[in-house]
Protein backbone atom coordinates (compact mmCIF):
# COMPACT_ATOMS: atom_id res chain seq x y z
CA MET A 1 0.81 -12.67 15.94
CA ILE A 2 3.88 -10.84 14.78
CA GLY A 3 5.42 -11.88 11.53
CA HIS A 4 5.87 -15.64 11.88
CA GLY A 5 9.31 -15.06 10.36
CA ARG A 6 7.89 -13.27 7.33
CA GLY A 7 8.94 -9.77 8.38
CA HIS A 8 5.48 -8.24 8.64
CA LEU A 9 2.63 -7.89 11.08
CA ASP A 10 -0.25 -10.33 11.08
CA CYS A 11 -2.16 -8.34 13.67
CA PRO A 12 -2.27 -4.54 13.48
CA GLY A 13 -2.92 -4.51 17.22
CA ALA A 14 0.63 -5.77 17.80
CA ALA A 15 2.28 -2.91 15.91
CA PRO A 16 2.29 -0.19 18.60
CA HIS A 17 3.90 -2.22 21.37
CA PRO A 18 7.54 -2.09 20.20
CA PRO A 19 7.33 1.55 19.01
CA LEU A 20 5.74 2.60 22.30
CA ALA A 21 8.41 0.76 24.29
CA LEU A 22 11.16 2.38 22.21
CA ARG A 23 9.57 5.79 22.63
CA LEU A 24 9.36 5.39 26.41
CA THR A 25 12.90 4.06 26.71
CA ARG A 26 14.48 6.25 24.04
CA PRO A 27 17.64 7.30 25.96
CA TRP A 28 18.43 3.72 26.90
CA LEU A 29 17.49 1.89 23.69
CA TRP A 30 16.61 3.92 20.61
CA ASP A 31 19.42 6.44 20.99
CA ARG A 32 21.94 3.59 21.21
CA LEU A 33 20.85 1.73 18.06
CA ASP A 34 22.99 2.05 14.94
CA ASP A 35 21.51 3.56 11.77
CA ARG A 36 20.84 0.19 10.14
CA ALA A 37 18.87 -1.06 13.14
CA ARG A 38 16.92 2.20 13.33
CA ASP A 39 15.96 1.94 9.65
CA GLN A 40 14.72 -1.62 10.15
CA VAL A 41 12.70 -0.66 13.21
CA ARG A 42 11.18 2.38 11.50
CA SER A 43 10.02 0.40 8.48
CA TRP A 44 8.52 -2.48 10.45
CA PRO A 45 5.34 -0.81 11.88
CA ALA A 46 4.84 1.73 9.06
CA GLY A 47 2.51 -0.58 7.13
CA THR A 48 -0.08 -0.40 9.89
CA LEU A 49 -0.73 3.22 8.97
CA LEU A 50 -2.26 2.06 5.67
CA HIS A 51 -5.18 0.25 7.32
CA THR A 52 -8.43 1.77 8.60
CA PRO A 53 -8.99 0.59 12.16
CA VAL A 54 -12.28 -0.82 13.39
CA GLY A 55 -14.46 1.46 15.52
CA ASN A 56 -12.92 0.84 18.92
CA ASN A 57 -9.63 1.46 20.72
CA TRP A 58 -7.72 0.30 17.65
CA TRP A 59 -7.78 3.95 16.54
CA LEU A 60 -5.07 4.51 19.15
CA PHE A 61 -2.69 2.11 17.40
CA PRO A 62 -1.95 4.19 14.29
CA PHE A 63 -1.54 7.27 16.48
CA THR A 64 0.99 5.44 18.66
CA VAL A 65 2.90 4.14 15.65
CA GLY A 66 2.68 7.51 13.87
CA GLY A 67 3.95 9.36 16.93
CA PHE A 68 6.92 7.04 17.16
CA LEU A 69 7.71 7.42 13.46
CA ILE A 70 7.58 11.21 13.73
CA GLU A 71 9.96 11.15 16.69
CA ALA A 72 12.16 8.66 14.81
CA ASP A 73 12.46 11.17 11.92
CA MET A 74 10.50 9.08 9.45
CA SER A 75 7.85 10.80 7.42
């Protein structure tokens, strides 16, 4: 579940979906967002990088989020 209105992720597995979609649709979506919206989007999945994934495909999630954040100029 994502956030339940609390502004954070309840499931780390949900974190890469919006960043991946924004990365794939960058010219149509990301590039058209204003700076405030970009800052909010960048900060939302960043917390997932602090968790150690379990030993399965969840290792792909931080790489997907991290790749988006690098492209979004957030270090």
